[in-house]
C-alpha cells in the first residue's frame, strides 16, 4: 500500500501539478495516473488487495464490517506515508518548481525511482502469478516515463542508456554521465529485488531459460 500509493501520488504531482506540465496543458495526465493503478493492482493486489487510497480502504472496510472492521486504519496510515514520501521526492526531482536548480543528483534520483518501481512491479507480478503481468509492467513503465521523462530522460534501463550513448543523439549524455545512470539503475533494481522478496516473505525466482528453452534462445530474446 505504501509503495503504490507513493507511485500514484508521485505521478499525479509530476503530470498534473508540476509547473511545466501545467503550463503545457498536457493531455496525457489521466492515462499516466490510471496506469499506476493498473501497475499496482496487478502487482500488489495479491498481497494487500490494492487500495492505494484511504477512501477505498475505508469504503471496503465499512461495507464488510460484518466480517470484521478496523484494518482500514493501518491501510490509511501507510497510504498517507506513501503520499508524504511522494511529496518529498517530488520536491527533490523538481527543485525548479520551488526556487531551486536542477542538478545531476536530481537526474540520478529520477533514474533510481523509475527503475525501482519498474523492477518491483516485475517481481510482484511474477511472484504473484499475475494474469496480466505484461500489462502491469508496461503500465508502470509508461506512468514513470510520463512522470520523469523531462527530468532525466527516463531511461530506467542500462541497455537504454548504452543505446542512447552509442547513438550520439543526446550530447548531454557523456560516457561519465552514462556510467552514473547505469550505476544508479542497477542500485534501483537491486533495492527493488530485495523489496519484492521481503513483501513475498522471502520468495524469489531464478533467472534462466524457461521450460525447455535453450541458452541460445535466451541470448537472442534477452
N, C-alpha and C. Protein backbone atom coordinates (compact mmCIF):
# COMPACT_ATOMS: atom_id res chain seq x y z
N UNK A 1 0.83 -1.20 0.00
CA UNK A 1 0.00 0.00 0.00
C UNK A 1 0.87 1.26 0.00
N UNK A 2 1.91 1.25 0.79
CA UNK A 2 2.78 2.42 0.87
C UNK A 2 3.43 2.73 -0.48
N UNK A 3 4.00 1.71 -1.11
CA UNK A 3 4.79 1.95 -2.33
C UNK A 3 3.93 2.33 -3.53
N UNK A 4 2.79 1.69 -3.69
CA UNK A 4 1.98 2.02 -4.86
C UNK A 4 1.10 3.25 -4.63
N UNK A 5 0.81 3.57 -3.37
CA UNK A 5 0.19 4.88 -3.12
C UNK A 5 1.22 5.97 -3.39
N UNK A 6 2.47 5.70 -3.01
CA UNK A 6 3.55 6.63 -3.37
C UNK A 6 3.59 6.83 -4.88
N UNK A 7 3.59 5.74 -5.63
CA UNK A 7 3.67 5.84 -7.09
C UNK A 7 2.50 6.63 -7.66
N UNK A 8 1.30 6.34 -7.19
CA UNK A 8 0.11 7.03 -7.67
C UNK A 8 0.20 8.53 -7.42
N UNK A 9 0.48 8.92 -6.19
CA UNK A 9 0.50 10.35 -5.85
C UNK A 9 1.71 11.05 -6.47
N UNK A 10 2.83 10.35 -6.59
CA UNK A 10 4.02 10.92 -7.22
C UNK A 10 3.76 11.22 -8.69
N UNK A 11 3.11 10.30 -9.38
CA UNK A 11 2.79 10.52 -10.79
C UNK A 11 1.77 11.65 -10.93
N UNK A 12 0.78 11.68 -10.04
CA UNK A 12 -0.20 12.78 -10.08
C UNK A 12 0.50 14.13 -10.02
N UNK A 13 1.41 14.28 -9.07
CA UNK A 13 2.09 15.57 -8.91
C UNK A 13 2.96 15.91 -10.10
N UNK A 14 3.62 14.91 -10.68
CA UNK A 14 4.52 15.18 -11.79
C UNK A 14 3.80 15.48 -13.10
N UNK A 15 2.67 14.82 -13.33
CA UNK A 15 2.00 15.03 -14.62
C UNK A 15 0.86 16.05 -14.55
N UNK A 16 0.37 16.33 -13.35
CA UNK A 16 -0.77 17.25 -13.23
C UNK A 16 -0.50 18.49 -12.41
N UNK A 17 0.56 18.48 -11.59
CA UNK A 17 0.81 19.62 -10.70
C UNK A 17 2.14 20.32 -10.95
N UNK A 18 3.09 19.66 -11.62
CA UNK A 18 4.38 20.30 -11.91
C UNK A 18 4.16 21.51 -12.81
N UNK A 19 4.90 22.58 -12.56
CA UNK A 19 4.69 23.83 -13.31
C UNK A 19 4.80 23.62 -14.81
N UNK A 20 5.78 22.82 -15.23
CA UNK A 20 5.99 22.61 -16.66
C UNK A 20 4.77 21.98 -17.31
N UNK A 21 4.22 20.96 -16.66
CA UNK A 21 3.08 20.27 -17.24
C UNK A 21 1.80 21.08 -17.15
N UNK A 22 1.69 21.92 -16.13
CA UNK A 22 0.52 22.80 -16.04
C UNK A 22 0.55 23.83 -17.16
N UNK A 23 1.74 24.39 -17.40
CA UNK A 23 1.89 25.39 -18.46
C UNK A 23 1.64 24.80 -19.85
N UNK A 24 2.09 23.58 -20.07
CA UNK A 24 1.91 22.95 -21.39
C UNK A 24 0.52 22.37 -21.57
N UNK A 25 -0.23 22.24 -20.49
CA UNK A 25 -1.58 21.69 -20.52
C UNK A 25 -1.59 20.34 -21.24
N UNK A 26 -0.78 19.42 -20.75
CA UNK A 26 -0.68 18.11 -21.39
C UNK A 26 -2.01 17.37 -21.34
N UNK A 27 -2.17 16.46 -22.29
CA UNK A 27 -3.41 15.70 -22.39
C UNK A 27 -3.24 14.24 -21.99
N UNK A 28 -2.07 13.91 -21.43
CA UNK A 28 -1.81 12.51 -21.08
C UNK A 28 -1.90 12.22 -19.59
N UNK A 29 -2.18 13.23 -18.78
CA UNK A 29 -2.10 13.04 -17.33
C UNK A 29 -3.06 11.96 -16.84
N UNK A 30 -4.25 11.92 -17.41
CA UNK A 30 -5.22 10.91 -16.99
C UNK A 30 -4.73 9.50 -17.25
N UNK A 31 -4.13 9.30 -18.42
CA UNK A 31 -3.60 7.99 -18.78
C UNK A 31 -2.46 7.58 -17.84
N UNK A 32 -1.55 8.52 -17.58
CA UNK A 32 -0.42 8.22 -16.71
C UNK A 32 -0.88 7.84 -15.31
N UNK A 33 -1.83 8.58 -14.78
CA UNK A 33 -2.33 8.31 -13.43
C UNK A 33 -3.05 6.97 -13.39
N UNK A 34 -3.89 6.70 -14.38
CA UNK A 34 -4.62 5.43 -14.42
C UNK A 34 -3.68 4.24 -14.51
N UNK A 35 -2.59 4.41 -15.24
CA UNK A 35 -1.65 3.30 -15.39
C UNK A 35 -0.96 2.93 -14.07
N UNK A 36 -0.86 3.86 -13.14
CA UNK A 36 -0.28 3.50 -11.84
C UNK A 36 -1.20 2.52 -11.11
N UNK A 37 -2.50 2.68 -11.28
CA UNK A 37 -3.45 1.77 -10.64
C UNK A 37 -3.36 0.38 -11.27
N UNK A 38 -3.22 0.33 -12.60
CA UNK A 38 -3.07 -0.96 -13.28
C UNK A 38 -1.79 -1.64 -12.82
N UNK A 39 -0.71 -0.88 -12.74
CA UNK A 39 0.57 -1.44 -12.30
C UNK A 39 0.45 -2.01 -10.89
N UNK A 40 -0.13 -1.24 -9.99
CA UNK A 40 -0.21 -1.65 -8.60
C UNK A 40 -1.25 -2.72 -8.33
N UNK A 41 -2.39 -2.65 -9.00
CA UNK A 41 -3.46 -3.61 -8.74
C UNK A 41 -3.04 -5.02 -9.12
N UNK A 42 -2.41 -5.16 -10.28
CA UNK A 42 -1.94 -6.49 -10.69
C UNK A 42 -0.67 -6.89 -9.94
N UNK A 43 0.17 -5.90 -9.62
CA UNK A 43 1.42 -6.22 -8.93
C UNK A 43 1.24 -6.53 -7.46
N UNK A 44 0.56 -5.63 -6.75
CA UNK A 44 0.43 -5.77 -5.30
C UNK A 44 -0.95 -6.20 -4.85
N UNK A 45 -1.89 -6.29 -5.79
CA UNK A 45 -3.25 -6.66 -5.41
C UNK A 45 -3.34 -7.99 -4.71
N UNK A 46 -2.48 -8.94 -5.11
CA UNK A 46 -2.49 -10.27 -4.50
C UNK A 46 -1.97 -10.24 -3.06
N UNK A 47 -1.32 -9.14 -2.69
CA UNK A 47 -0.76 -9.02 -1.34
C UNK A 47 -1.69 -8.25 -0.41
N UNK A 48 -2.13 -7.07 -0.86
CA UNK A 48 -2.91 -6.19 0.02
C UNK A 48 -4.34 -5.93 -0.45
N UNK A 49 -4.65 -6.33 -1.66
CA UNK A 49 -5.96 -6.00 -2.23
C UNK A 49 -5.90 -4.82 -3.15
N UNK A 50 -4.82 -4.03 -3.05
CA UNK A 50 -4.61 -2.92 -3.98
C UNK A 50 -5.57 -1.76 -3.82
N UNK A 51 -5.62 -1.17 -2.64
CA UNK A 51 -6.49 0.00 -2.41
C UNK A 51 -5.84 1.29 -2.90
N UNK A 52 -4.68 1.63 -2.33
CA UNK A 52 -3.89 2.81 -2.71
C UNK A 52 -4.65 4.13 -2.53
N UNK A 53 -5.63 4.13 -1.65
CA UNK A 53 -6.50 5.30 -1.48
C UNK A 53 -7.25 5.12 -0.16
N UNK A 54 -7.09 6.04 0.80
CA UNK A 54 -7.80 5.90 2.08
C UNK A 54 -9.32 5.77 1.93
N UNK A 55 -9.89 6.45 0.94
CA UNK A 55 -11.34 6.36 0.74
C UNK A 55 -11.74 4.95 0.32
N UNK A 56 -10.92 4.33 -0.53
CA UNK A 56 -11.20 2.95 -0.96
C UNK A 56 -11.07 2.00 0.22
N UNK A 57 -9.98 2.16 0.98
CA UNK A 57 -9.77 1.28 2.14
C UNK A 57 -10.91 1.39 3.14
N UNK A 58 -11.33 2.62 3.44
CA UNK A 58 -12.42 2.82 4.40
C UNK A 58 -13.72 2.26 3.85
N UNK A 59 -13.99 2.52 2.59
CA UNK A 59 -15.24 2.04 1.98
C UNK A 59 -15.33 0.52 2.02
N UNK A 60 -14.24 -0.16 1.68
CA UNK A 60 -14.24 -1.62 1.70
C UNK A 60 -14.42 -2.14 3.13
N UNK A 61 -13.74 -1.50 4.08
CA UNK A 61 -13.82 -1.96 5.47
C UNK A 61 -15.22 -1.75 6.03
N UNK A 62 -15.84 -0.63 5.70
CA UNK A 62 -17.20 -0.36 6.20
C UNK A 62 -18.20 -1.34 5.57
N UNK A 63 -18.06 -1.57 4.27
CA UNK A 63 -19.02 -2.44 3.58
C UNK A 63 -18.92 -3.89 4.04
N UNK A 64 -17.75 -4.26 4.59
CA UNK A 64 -17.56 -5.64 5.06
C UNK A 64 -17.47 -5.71 6.58
N UNK A 65 -18.09 -4.74 7.24
CA UNK A 65 -17.99 -4.66 8.71
C UNK A 65 -18.49 -5.93 9.38
N UNK A 66 -19.44 -6.61 8.74
CA UNK A 66 -19.95 -7.84 9.32
C UNK A 66 -18.92 -8.95 9.38
N UNK A 67 -17.88 -8.81 8.57
CA UNK A 67 -16.82 -9.81 8.55
C UNK A 67 -15.63 -9.40 9.41
N UNK A 68 -15.72 -8.21 9.98
CA UNK A 68 -14.61 -7.67 10.78
C UNK A 68 -14.30 -6.25 10.32
N UNK A 69 -13.94 -5.40 11.25
CA UNK A 69 -13.70 -3.99 10.92
C UNK A 69 -12.48 -3.47 11.66
N UNK A 70 -11.72 -2.59 11.03
CA UNK A 70 -10.62 -1.93 11.72
C UNK A 70 -9.31 -1.88 10.96
N UNK A 71 -9.14 -2.80 10.00
CA UNK A 71 -7.87 -2.80 9.28
C UNK A 71 -7.69 -1.57 8.40
N UNK A 72 -8.77 -0.86 8.11
CA UNK A 72 -8.64 0.34 7.29
C UNK A 72 -7.73 1.37 7.96
N UNK A 73 -7.65 1.35 9.29
CA UNK A 73 -6.78 2.29 9.99
C UNK A 73 -5.33 2.10 9.61
N UNK A 74 -4.87 0.86 9.60
CA UNK A 74 -3.49 0.58 9.21
C UNK A 74 -3.26 0.90 7.75
N UNK A 75 -4.21 0.55 6.89
CA UNK A 75 -4.10 0.86 5.47
C UNK A 75 -3.94 2.36 5.26
N UNK A 76 -4.79 3.13 5.93
CA UNK A 76 -4.78 4.58 5.75
C UNK A 76 -3.45 5.18 6.20
N UNK A 77 -2.91 4.69 7.31
CA UNK A 77 -1.63 5.20 7.80
C UNK A 77 -0.54 5.02 6.76
N UNK A 78 -0.44 3.82 6.21
CA UNK A 78 0.62 3.56 5.24
C UNK A 78 0.37 4.25 3.90
N UNK A 79 -0.88 4.41 3.53
CA UNK A 79 -1.18 5.16 2.31
C UNK A 79 -0.79 6.63 2.47
N UNK A 80 -1.06 7.20 3.63
CA UNK A 80 -0.67 8.59 3.87
C UNK A 80 0.85 8.75 3.95
N UNK A 81 1.54 7.73 4.48
CA UNK A 81 3.00 7.77 4.48
C UNK A 81 3.53 7.73 3.05
N UNK A 82 2.90 6.94 2.20
CA UNK A 82 3.29 6.90 0.79
C UNK A 82 3.11 8.25 0.12
N UNK A 83 2.01 8.92 0.44
CA UNK A 83 1.75 10.25 -0.11
C UNK A 83 2.79 11.26 0.36
N UNK A 84 3.17 11.16 1.64
CA UNK A 84 4.19 12.06 2.18
C UNK A 84 5.54 11.83 1.49
N UNK A 85 5.88 10.56 1.26
CA UNK A 85 7.11 10.24 0.53
C UNK A 85 7.08 10.86 -0.86
N UNK A 86 5.92 10.78 -1.51
CA UNK A 86 5.79 11.33 -2.85
C UNK A 86 6.02 12.83 -2.85
N UNK A 87 5.50 13.52 -1.85
CA UNK A 87 5.67 14.97 -1.77
C UNK A 87 7.13 15.35 -1.61
N UNK A 88 7.83 14.61 -0.75
CA UNK A 88 9.25 14.89 -0.52
C UNK A 88 10.07 14.65 -1.79
N UNK A 89 9.82 13.51 -2.44
CA UNK A 89 10.60 13.17 -3.64
C UNK A 89 10.23 14.03 -4.83
N UNK A 90 9.00 14.50 -4.87
CA UNK A 90 8.60 15.45 -5.91
C UNK A 90 9.44 16.72 -5.82
N UNK A 91 9.65 17.20 -4.61
CA UNK A 91 10.47 18.40 -4.41
C UNK A 91 11.93 18.15 -4.82
N UNK A 92 12.38 16.91 -4.64
CA UNK A 92 13.77 16.58 -4.98
C UNK A 92 13.96 16.51 -6.49
N UNK A 93 13.00 15.90 -7.20
CA UNK A 93 13.18 15.76 -8.66
C UNK A 93 12.78 17.01 -9.43
N UNK A 94 12.06 17.93 -8.79
CA UNK A 94 11.67 19.17 -9.47
C UNK A 94 12.01 20.39 -8.61
N UNK A 95 13.29 20.59 -8.32
CA UNK A 95 13.67 21.72 -7.47
C UNK A 95 13.33 23.06 -8.10
N UNK A 96 13.28 23.12 -9.44
CA UNK A 96 12.97 24.38 -10.10
C UNK A 96 11.55 24.85 -9.81
N UNK A 97 10.66 23.94 -9.41
CA UNK A 97 9.30 24.33 -9.03
C UNK A 97 9.27 25.02 -7.67
N UNK A 98 10.38 24.95 -6.95
CA UNK A 98 10.44 25.51 -5.59
C UNK A 98 11.60 26.49 -5.43
N UNK A 99 11.98 27.11 -6.54
CA UNK A 99 13.02 28.13 -6.49
C UNK A 99 14.43 27.61 -6.55
N UNK A 100 14.61 26.31 -6.76
CA UNK A 100 15.94 25.73 -6.83
C UNK A 100 16.39 25.51 -8.26
N UNK A 101 17.48 24.77 -8.42
CA UNK A 101 18.01 24.47 -9.74
C UNK A 101 18.22 22.97 -9.89
N UNK A 102 17.97 22.48 -11.10
CA UNK A 102 18.18 21.07 -11.39
C UNK A 102 19.67 20.74 -11.32
N UNK A 103 20.00 19.56 -10.79
CA UNK A 103 21.39 19.14 -10.66
C UNK A 103 21.54 17.70 -11.13
N UNK A 104 22.78 17.22 -11.28
CA UNK A 104 22.98 15.81 -11.65
C UNK A 104 22.33 14.86 -10.66
N UNK A 105 22.33 15.22 -9.40
CA UNK A 105 21.70 14.37 -8.38
C UNK A 105 20.20 14.22 -8.63
N UNK A 106 19.57 15.28 -9.14
CA UNK A 106 18.15 15.23 -9.46
C UNK A 106 17.87 14.14 -10.48
N UNK A 107 18.71 14.07 -11.51
CA UNK A 107 18.53 13.06 -12.56
C UNK A 107 18.76 11.66 -12.02
N UNK A 108 19.71 11.52 -11.12
CA UNK A 108 20.00 10.19 -10.57
C UNK A 108 18.85 9.70 -9.68
N UNK A 109 18.26 10.59 -8.92
CA UNK A 109 17.10 10.21 -8.12
C UNK A 109 15.96 9.76 -9.04
N UNK A 110 15.77 10.49 -10.13
CA UNK A 110 14.75 10.12 -11.12
C UNK A 110 14.99 8.73 -11.67
N UNK A 111 16.23 8.44 -12.06
CA UNK A 111 16.54 7.12 -12.62
C UNK A 111 16.38 6.01 -11.58
N UNK A 112 16.75 6.29 -10.35
CA UNK A 112 16.59 5.30 -9.28
C UNK A 112 15.12 4.98 -9.07
N UNK A 113 14.29 6.00 -8.95
CA UNK A 113 12.87 5.80 -8.68
C UNK A 113 12.17 5.04 -9.80
N UNK A 114 12.44 5.46 -11.04
CA UNK A 114 11.78 4.80 -12.16
C UNK A 114 12.18 3.34 -12.28
N UNK A 115 13.48 3.06 -12.12
CA UNK A 115 13.95 1.68 -12.21
C UNK A 115 13.41 0.86 -11.05
N UNK A 116 13.39 1.44 -9.86
CA UNK A 116 12.88 0.74 -8.68
C UNK A 116 11.44 0.30 -8.88
N UNK A 117 10.58 1.21 -9.31
CA UNK A 117 9.16 0.88 -9.47
C UNK A 117 8.95 -0.13 -10.59
N UNK A 118 9.76 -0.04 -11.64
CA UNK A 118 9.64 -1.00 -12.74
C UNK A 118 10.01 -2.40 -12.27
N UNK A 119 11.17 -2.54 -11.64
CA UNK A 119 11.63 -3.86 -11.19
C UNK A 119 10.72 -4.42 -10.09
N UNK A 120 10.26 -3.56 -9.20
CA UNK A 120 9.33 -4.00 -8.16
C UNK A 120 8.07 -4.59 -8.78
N UNK A 121 7.55 -3.92 -9.80
CA UNK A 121 6.33 -4.39 -10.46
C UNK A 121 6.58 -5.71 -11.18
N UNK A 122 7.73 -5.85 -11.81
CA UNK A 122 8.08 -7.12 -12.45
C UNK A 122 8.07 -8.25 -11.42
N UNK A 123 8.79 -8.06 -10.33
CA UNK A 123 8.91 -9.10 -9.32
C UNK A 123 7.59 -9.49 -8.69
N UNK A 124 6.77 -8.49 -8.35
CA UNK A 124 5.49 -8.80 -7.71
C UNK A 124 4.54 -9.51 -8.65
N UNK A 125 4.56 -9.15 -9.93
CA UNK A 125 3.70 -9.83 -10.90
C UNK A 125 4.12 -11.28 -11.09
N UNK A 126 5.42 -11.51 -11.18
CA UNK A 126 5.91 -12.88 -11.35
C UNK A 126 5.60 -13.73 -10.13
N UNK A 127 5.93 -13.22 -8.95
CA UNK A 127 5.73 -13.99 -7.72
C UNK A 127 4.25 -14.17 -7.39
N UNK A 128 3.44 -13.19 -7.77
CA UNK A 128 2.00 -13.29 -7.52
C UNK A 128 1.26 -14.03 -8.61
N UNK A 129 2.00 -14.51 -9.62
CA UNK A 129 1.41 -15.24 -10.76
C UNK A 129 0.26 -14.46 -11.38
N UNK A 130 0.51 -13.20 -11.63
CA UNK A 130 -0.48 -12.31 -12.21
C UNK A 130 -0.89 -12.78 -13.60
N UNK A 131 -2.17 -12.62 -13.91
CA UNK A 131 -2.69 -12.98 -15.23
C UNK A 131 -2.46 -11.88 -16.25
N UNK A 132 -2.02 -10.73 -15.79
CA UNK A 132 -1.80 -9.60 -16.70
C UNK A 132 -0.46 -8.94 -16.39
N UNK A 133 0.56 -9.78 -16.19
CA UNK A 133 1.87 -9.26 -15.82
C UNK A 133 2.45 -8.29 -16.82
N UNK A 134 2.38 -8.65 -18.10
CA UNK A 134 2.96 -7.77 -19.12
C UNK A 134 2.27 -6.41 -19.12
N UNK A 135 0.95 -6.40 -18.97
CA UNK A 135 0.19 -5.15 -18.96
C UNK A 135 0.57 -4.30 -17.75
N UNK A 136 0.66 -4.94 -16.60
CA UNK A 136 1.01 -4.24 -15.37
C UNK A 136 2.41 -3.65 -15.44
N UNK A 137 3.36 -4.43 -15.92
CA UNK A 137 4.75 -3.97 -16.04
C UNK A 137 4.84 -2.81 -17.02
N UNK A 138 4.19 -2.96 -18.17
CA UNK A 138 4.19 -1.88 -19.16
C UNK A 138 3.54 -0.62 -18.62
N UNK A 139 2.49 -0.80 -17.82
CA UNK A 139 1.80 0.35 -17.22
C UNK A 139 2.71 1.09 -16.26
N UNK A 140 3.48 0.34 -15.46
CA UNK A 140 4.39 1.00 -14.52
C UNK A 140 5.45 1.80 -15.28
N UNK A 141 5.98 1.22 -16.34
CA UNK A 141 6.99 1.91 -17.13
C UNK A 141 6.41 3.16 -17.79
N UNK A 142 5.23 3.02 -18.36
CA UNK A 142 4.58 4.16 -19.03
C UNK A 142 4.33 5.31 -18.06
N UNK A 143 3.79 4.98 -16.89
CA UNK A 143 3.47 6.02 -15.90
C UNK A 143 4.73 6.75 -15.45
N UNK A 144 5.80 6.02 -15.19
CA UNK A 144 7.02 6.66 -14.70
C UNK A 144 7.74 7.45 -15.80
N UNK A 145 7.61 7.01 -17.04
CA UNK A 145 8.19 7.79 -18.15
C UNK A 145 7.45 9.11 -18.30
N UNK A 146 6.12 9.06 -18.25
CA UNK A 146 5.35 10.31 -18.31
C UNK A 146 5.72 11.23 -17.16
N UNK A 147 5.95 10.65 -15.98
CA UNK A 147 6.23 11.47 -14.79
C UNK A 147 7.63 12.07 -14.82
N UNK A 148 8.63 11.31 -15.30
CA UNK A 148 10.03 11.72 -15.14
C UNK A 148 10.80 11.88 -16.45
N UNK A 149 10.11 11.74 -17.56
CA UNK A 149 10.80 11.85 -18.84
C UNK A 149 11.52 13.17 -19.04
N UNK A 150 10.95 14.25 -18.56
CA UNK A 150 11.57 15.56 -18.73
C UNK A 150 12.56 15.89 -17.62
N UNK A 151 12.74 14.95 -16.68
CA UNK A 151 13.71 15.16 -15.61
C UNK A 151 15.05 14.54 -15.99
N UNK A 152 15.04 13.25 -16.33
CA UNK A 152 16.30 12.55 -16.63
C UNK A 152 16.33 11.89 -17.99
N UNK A 153 15.21 11.94 -18.71
CA UNK A 153 15.11 11.20 -19.95
C UNK A 153 14.41 9.86 -19.75
N UNK A 154 14.25 9.46 -18.49
CA UNK A 154 13.51 8.25 -18.12
C UNK A 154 14.04 7.01 -18.85
N UNK A 155 15.34 6.73 -18.65
CA UNK A 155 15.92 5.53 -19.24
C UNK A 155 15.45 4.29 -18.49
N UNK A 156 15.72 4.26 -17.18
CA UNK A 156 15.31 3.18 -16.28
C UNK A 156 15.83 1.80 -16.72
N UNK A 157 16.91 1.78 -17.48
CA UNK A 157 17.40 0.52 -18.05
C UNK A 157 18.82 0.77 -18.57
N UNK A 158 19.82 0.06 -18.06
CA UNK A 158 21.19 0.28 -18.55
C UNK A 158 21.33 0.09 -20.05
N UNK A 159 20.56 -0.85 -20.62
CA UNK A 159 20.64 -1.08 -22.06
C UNK A 159 20.16 0.15 -22.83
N UNK A 160 19.13 0.81 -22.33
CA UNK A 160 18.63 2.03 -22.98
C UNK A 160 19.69 3.12 -22.90
N UNK A 161 20.31 3.26 -21.76
CA UNK A 161 21.35 4.28 -21.59
C UNK A 161 22.51 4.03 -22.56
N UNK A 162 22.93 2.78 -22.67
CA UNK A 162 24.03 2.45 -23.59
C UNK A 162 23.63 2.75 -25.03
N UNK A 163 22.40 2.41 -25.40
CA UNK A 163 21.94 2.65 -26.77
C UNK A 163 21.90 4.14 -27.09
N UNK A 164 21.41 4.94 -26.16
CA UNK A 164 21.34 6.39 -26.38
C UNK A 164 22.75 6.97 -26.47
N UNK A 165 23.65 6.51 -25.61
CA UNK A 165 25.03 6.98 -25.64
C UNK A 165 25.68 6.62 -26.97
N UNK A 166 25.51 5.39 -27.43
CA UNK A 166 26.13 4.93 -28.67
C UNK A 166 25.57 5.64 -29.89
N UNK A 167 24.30 6.04 -29.80
CA UNK A 167 23.67 6.72 -30.96
C UNK A 167 24.18 8.13 -31.15
N UNK A 168 24.67 8.75 -30.07
CA UNK A 168 25.14 10.13 -30.15
C UNK A 168 24.02 11.15 -30.29
N UNK A 169 22.79 10.71 -30.05
CA UNK A 169 21.64 11.61 -30.24
C UNK A 169 21.39 12.51 -29.04
N UNK A 170 22.12 12.28 -27.96
CA UNK A 170 21.93 13.10 -26.75
C UNK A 170 23.29 13.63 -26.32
N UNK A 171 23.69 14.81 -26.81
CA UNK A 171 25.01 15.35 -26.49
C UNK A 171 25.27 15.49 -24.98
N UNK A 172 24.19 15.69 -24.21
CA UNK A 172 24.36 15.86 -22.77
C UNK A 172 24.75 14.56 -22.07
N UNK A 173 24.50 13.43 -22.74
CA UNK A 173 24.81 12.13 -22.12
C UNK A 173 26.24 11.74 -22.46
N UNK A 174 27.15 12.17 -21.62
CA UNK A 174 28.56 11.83 -21.80
C UNK A 174 28.82 10.42 -21.26
N UNK A 175 29.94 9.80 -21.61
CA UNK A 175 30.24 8.47 -21.05
C UNK A 175 30.24 8.47 -19.52
N UNK A 176 30.77 9.53 -18.92
CA UNK A 176 30.79 9.59 -17.45
C UNK A 176 29.37 9.66 -16.88
N UNK A 177 28.55 10.47 -17.51
CA UNK A 177 27.17 10.59 -17.05
C UNK A 177 26.42 9.27 -17.26
N UNK A 178 26.65 8.63 -18.39
CA UNK A 178 26.01 7.34 -18.65
C UNK A 178 26.41 6.33 -17.58
N UNK A 179 27.65 6.38 -17.15
CA UNK A 179 28.12 5.47 -16.09
C UNK A 179 27.38 5.68 -14.79
N UNK A 180 27.14 6.95 -14.45
CA UNK A 180 26.40 7.23 -13.21
C UNK A 180 24.94 6.78 -13.34
N UNK A 181 24.37 6.94 -14.52
CA UNK A 181 23.00 6.48 -14.75
C UNK A 181 22.92 4.96 -14.57
N UNK A 182 23.86 4.25 -15.20
CA UNK A 182 23.84 2.79 -15.13
C UNK A 182 24.02 2.30 -13.70
N UNK A 183 24.94 2.91 -12.97
CA UNK A 183 25.14 2.53 -11.57
C UNK A 183 23.89 2.76 -10.74
N UNK A 184 23.22 3.86 -10.98
CA UNK A 184 22.01 4.19 -10.24
C UNK A 184 20.88 3.24 -10.60
N UNK A 185 20.75 2.91 -11.87
CA UNK A 185 19.71 1.97 -12.31
C UNK A 185 19.93 0.60 -11.68
N UNK A 186 21.18 0.15 -11.64
CA UNK A 186 21.49 -1.14 -11.02
C UNK A 186 21.13 -1.11 -9.54
N UNK A 187 21.46 -0.01 -8.87
CA UNK A 187 21.12 0.13 -7.45
C UNK A 187 19.61 0.09 -7.24
N UNK A 188 18.87 0.77 -8.11
CA UNK A 188 17.41 0.77 -8.00
C UNK A 188 16.84 -0.62 -8.21
N UNK A 189 17.40 -1.36 -9.18
CA UNK A 189 16.94 -2.72 -9.43
C UNK A 189 17.21 -3.65 -8.26
N UNK A 190 18.39 -3.54 -7.68
CA UNK A 190 18.74 -4.39 -6.53
C UNK A 190 17.85 -4.07 -5.33
N UNK A 191 17.64 -2.78 -5.08
CA UNK A 191 16.76 -2.38 -3.97
C UNK A 191 15.35 -2.92 -4.16
N UNK A 192 14.86 -2.86 -5.41
CA UNK A 192 13.52 -3.36 -5.69
C UNK A 192 13.43 -4.87 -5.51
N UNK A 193 14.50 -5.58 -5.90
CA UNK A 193 14.51 -7.04 -5.76
C UNK A 193 14.42 -7.45 -4.29
N UNK A 194 15.18 -6.79 -3.44
CA UNK A 194 15.08 -7.08 -2.01
C UNK A 194 13.71 -6.72 -1.46
N UNK A 195 13.12 -5.66 -2.03
CA UNK A 195 11.80 -5.23 -1.56
C UNK A 195 10.73 -6.23 -1.92
N UNK A 196 10.70 -6.70 -3.18
CA UNK A 196 9.65 -7.65 -3.53
C UNK A 196 9.86 -9.00 -2.84
N UNK A 197 11.11 -9.37 -2.58
CA UNK A 197 11.35 -10.61 -1.84
C UNK A 197 10.84 -10.47 -0.40
N UNK A 198 11.04 -9.30 0.21
CA UNK A 198 10.54 -9.05 1.56
C UNK A 198 9.01 -9.10 1.59
N UNK A 199 8.38 -8.45 0.61
CA UNK A 199 6.92 -8.42 0.55
C UNK A 199 6.36 -9.83 0.40
N UNK A 200 7.05 -10.66 -0.37
CA UNK A 200 6.59 -12.03 -0.59
C UNK A 200 7.21 -13.03 0.39
N UNK A 201 7.57 -12.53 1.57
CA UNK A 201 8.07 -13.37 2.66
C UNK A 201 9.27 -14.23 2.26
N UNK A 202 10.19 -13.61 1.54
CA UNK A 202 11.43 -14.29 1.17
C UNK A 202 11.39 -15.04 -0.13
N UNK A 203 10.24 -15.10 -0.76
CA UNK A 203 10.14 -15.81 -2.04
C UNK A 203 10.83 -15.01 -3.13
N UNK A 204 11.41 -15.72 -4.07
CA UNK A 204 12.00 -15.08 -5.23
C UNK A 204 11.95 -16.06 -6.40
N UNK A 205 12.58 -15.76 -7.49
CA UNK A 205 12.54 -16.66 -8.65
C UNK A 205 13.88 -16.61 -9.36
N UNK A 206 14.21 -17.73 -10.00
CA UNK A 206 15.51 -17.85 -10.65
C UNK A 206 15.51 -17.22 -12.04
N UNK A 207 16.69 -16.83 -12.47
CA UNK A 207 16.86 -16.27 -13.80
C UNK A 207 17.46 -17.35 -14.71
N UNK A 208 16.88 -17.55 -15.87
CA UNK A 208 17.41 -18.55 -16.79
C UNK A 208 16.37 -18.98 -17.80
N UNK A 209 16.70 -19.95 -18.64
CA UNK A 209 15.75 -20.43 -19.66
C UNK A 209 14.46 -20.94 -19.03
N UNK A 210 13.34 -20.65 -19.68
CA UNK A 210 12.03 -21.08 -19.21
C UNK A 210 11.64 -22.36 -19.92
N UNK A 211 11.18 -23.35 -19.15
CA UNK A 211 10.76 -24.61 -19.75
C UNK A 211 11.91 -25.31 -20.44
N UNK A 212 11.69 -25.71 -21.70
CA UNK A 212 12.73 -26.41 -22.45
C UNK A 212 13.50 -25.47 -23.38
N UNK A 213 13.42 -24.19 -23.11
CA UNK A 213 14.17 -23.21 -23.91
C UNK A 213 15.67 -23.40 -23.73
N UNK A 214 16.45 -22.96 -24.69
CA UNK A 214 17.90 -23.09 -24.62
C UNK A 214 18.54 -21.74 -24.34
N UNK A 215 19.82 -21.78 -23.93
CA UNK A 215 20.54 -20.54 -23.70
C UNK A 215 20.71 -19.75 -25.00
N UNK A 216 20.76 -20.44 -26.12
CA UNK A 216 20.86 -19.73 -27.40
C UNK A 216 19.61 -18.90 -27.64
N UNK A 217 18.45 -19.48 -27.33
CA UNK A 217 17.21 -18.74 -27.47
C UNK A 217 17.12 -17.58 -26.51
N UNK A 218 17.57 -17.84 -25.28
CA UNK A 218 17.58 -16.78 -24.27
C UNK A 218 18.44 -15.60 -24.73
N UNK A 219 19.62 -15.91 -25.27
CA UNK A 219 20.55 -14.85 -25.68
C UNK A 219 19.97 -13.98 -26.79
N UNK A 220 19.18 -14.58 -27.66
CA UNK A 220 18.57 -13.79 -28.75
C UNK A 220 17.38 -12.98 -28.27
N UNK A 221 16.60 -13.53 -27.35
CA UNK A 221 15.42 -12.81 -26.84
C UNK A 221 15.79 -11.71 -25.88
N UNK A 222 16.79 -11.97 -25.03
CA UNK A 222 17.13 -11.02 -23.98
C UNK A 222 17.89 -9.84 -24.47
